[in-house]
Every structure is written in structure tokens, then in C-alpha cells.
């Protein structure tokens, strides 16, 4: 574990910046759309549990809000 490195740290394979950018963009998109779907789920659960919409109403609200949120974020 305690190896001595006397040379530069950046020895090794060169960085593939194009692949790095694609991975970063995919992570940001997943985070953005995942957050929108989770927020829609929380609103639908509140409507179903406390608003009297029930399971089917909450499911319908979740689907509508998820589609609307993803569509508006594009």
C-alpha cells in the first residue's frame, strides 16, 4: 500500500474525454429525470393518501405528472 511514486501522477493511459463527456451527460440526464419522477411520485402519494384519490387516482396522477415533467424538461 505504501508505494513510493517519484514521477508525475498522470502516467498511464490517456484520458478519453469524449467518453467522459458522454458519461457525465448521461449521469446528469438520469439525475434530472429521476428527480422529476420521484417528485411526481411524492405528489401522487400525497393525493392518494391524504386527498382521497385512492390507489388508482394516485397512480393516474403519477403517470400524468411523470409524463408532463419529462416532456417539460426536454
C-alpha atoms as a PDB file:
ATOM      1  CA  UNK A   1       0.000   0.000   0.000  1.00  0.00           C
ATOM      2  CA  UNK A   2       2.820   2.404   0.692  1.00  0.00           C
ATOM      3  CA  UNK A   3       4.483   2.595  -2.689  1.00  0.00           C
ATOM      4  CA  UNK A   4       6.817   5.439  -3.461  1.00  0.00           C
ATOM      5  CA  UNK A   5       5.945   7.445  -6.558  1.00  0.00           C
ATOM      6  CA  UNK A   6       8.608   9.817  -7.722  1.00  0.00           C
ATOM      7  CA  UNK A   7       7.289  10.559 -11.216  1.00  0.00           C
ATOM      8  CA  UNK A   8       4.292  12.507 -12.409  1.00  0.00           C
ATOM      9  CA  UNK A   9       0.888  11.196 -11.360  1.00  0.00           C
ATOM     10  CA  UNK A  10      -0.526  11.263 -14.892  1.00  0.00           C
ATOM     11  CA  UNK A  11       1.477   8.318 -16.179  1.00  0.00           C
ATOM     12  CA  UNK A  12      -0.672   5.731 -17.855  1.00  0.00           C
ATOM     13  CA  UNK A  13      -3.416   5.640 -20.441  1.00  0.00           C
ATOM     14  CA  UNK A  14      -4.538   8.905 -21.911  1.00  0.00           C
ATOM     15  CA  UNK A  15      -7.952  10.237 -20.904  1.00  0.00           C
ATOM     16  CA  UNK A  16     -10.833   9.631 -23.310  1.00  0.00           C
ATOM     17  CA  UNK A  17     -12.564  12.991 -22.960  1.00  0.00           C
ATOM     18  CA  UNK A  18     -15.351  12.192 -25.431  1.00  0.00           C
ATOM     19  CA  UNK A  19     -16.373   9.137 -23.398  1.00  0.00           C
ATOM     20  CA  UNK A  20     -16.071  11.142 -20.187  1.00  0.00           C
ATOM     21  CA  UNK A  21     -18.419  13.813 -21.550  1.00  0.00           C
ATOM     22  CA  UNK A  22     -20.963  11.185 -22.651  1.00  0.00           C
ATOM     23  CA  UNK A  23     -20.892   9.583 -19.196  1.00  0.00           C
ATOM     24  CA  UNK A  24     -21.317  12.948 -17.498  1.00  0.00           C
ATOM     25  CA  UNK A  25     -24.245  13.897 -19.743  1.00  0.00           C
ATOM     26  CA  UNK A  26     -25.913  10.535 -19.083  1.00  0.00           C
ATOM     27  CA  UNK A  27     -25.475  10.965 -15.327  1.00  0.00           C
ATOM     28  CA  UNK A  28     -26.955  14.481 -15.389  1.00  0.00           C
ATOM     29  CA  UNK A  29     -29.923  13.332 -17.513  1.00  0.00           C
ATOM     30  CA  UNK A  30     -30.582  10.377 -15.209  1.00  0.00           C
ATOM     31  CA  UNK A  31     -30.451  12.606 -12.163  1.00  0.00           C
ATOM     32  CA  UNK A  32     -32.738  15.204 -13.722  1.00  0.00           C
ATOM     33  CA  UNK A  33     -35.395  12.784 -14.963  1.00  0.00           C
ATOM     34  CA  UNK A  34     -35.139  10.582 -11.880  1.00  0.00           C
ATOM     35  CA  UNK A  35     -35.763  13.584  -9.646  1.00  0.00           C
ATOM     36  CA  UNK A  36     -38.790  14.597 -11.730  1.00  0.00           C
ATOM     37  CA  UNK A  37     -40.292  11.121 -11.455  1.00  0.00           C
ATOM     38  CA  UNK A  38     -39.655  10.917  -7.689  1.00  0.00           C
ATOM     39  CA  UNK A  39     -41.244  14.345  -7.138  1.00  0.00           C
ATOM     40  CA  UNK A  40     -44.257  13.242  -9.191  1.00  0.00           C
ATOM     41  CA  UNK A  41     -44.459  10.072  -7.094  1.00  0.00           C
ATOM     42  CA  UNK A  42     -44.421  12.053  -3.837  1.00  0.00           C
ATOM     43  CA  UNK A  43     -47.208  14.348  -5.084  1.00  0.00           C
ATOM     44  CA  UNK A  44     -49.257  11.358  -6.272  1.00  0.00           C
ATOM     45  CA  UNK A  45     -48.791   9.579  -2.936  1.00  0.00           C
ATOM     46  CA  UNK A  46     -49.955  12.683  -1.089  1.00  0.00           C
ATOM     47  CA  UNK A  47     -53.008  12.918  -3.351  1.00  0.00           C
ATOM     48  CA  UNK A  48     -53.769   9.227  -2.918  1.00  0.00           C
ATOM     49  CA  UNK A  49     -53.279   9.040   0.839  1.00  0.00           C
ATOM     50  CA  UNK A  50     -54.483  12.432   2.037  1.00  0.00           C
ATOM     51  CA  UNK A  51     -56.534  13.792  -0.862  1.00  0.00           C
ATOM     52  CA  UNK A  52     -58.924  10.890  -1.144  1.00  0.00           C
ATOM     53  CA  UNK A  53     -57.861   9.943  -4.665  1.00  0.00           C
ATOM     54  CA  UNK A  54     -57.105   6.360  -3.651  1.00  0.00           C
ATOM     55  CA  UNK A  55     -54.686   3.950  -5.299  1.00  0.00           C
ATOM     56  CA  UNK A  56     -55.993   4.258  -8.857  1.00  0.00           C
ATOM     57  CA  UNK A  57     -56.271   8.029  -8.650  1.00  0.00           C
ATOM     58  CA  UNK A  58     -52.757   8.323  -7.251  1.00  0.00           C
ATOM     59  CA  UNK A  59     -51.421   6.036  -9.962  1.00  0.00           C
ATOM     60  CA  UNK A  60     -53.142   8.115 -12.640  1.00  0.00           C
ATOM     61  CA  UNK A  61     -51.797  11.343 -11.155  1.00  0.00           C
ATOM     62  CA  UNK A  62     -48.285   9.858 -11.011  1.00  0.00           C
ATOM     63  CA  UNK A  63     -48.385   8.810 -14.668  1.00  0.00           C
ATOM     64  CA  UNK A  64     -49.705  12.188 -15.814  1.00  0.00           C
ATOM     65  CA  UNK A  65     -47.201  14.180 -13.746  1.00  0.00           C
ATOM     66  CA  UNK A  66     -44.296  11.938 -14.802  1.00  0.00           C
ATOM     67  CA  UNK A  67     -45.076  12.330 -18.492  1.00  0.00           C
ATOM     68  CA  UNK A  68     -45.618  16.076 -18.117  1.00  0.00           C
ATOM     69  CA  UNK A  69     -42.410  16.521 -16.112  1.00  0.00           C
ATOM     70  CA  UNK A  70     -40.253  14.562 -18.540  1.00  0.00           C
ATOM     71  CA  UNK A  71     -41.824  16.359 -21.501  1.00  0.00           C
ATOM     72  CA  UNK A  72     -41.231  19.796 -19.965  1.00  0.00           C
ATOM     73  CA  UNK A  73     -37.594  19.005 -19.085  1.00  0.00           C
ATOM     74  CA  UNK A  74     -36.602  18.136 -22.648  1.00  0.00           C
END
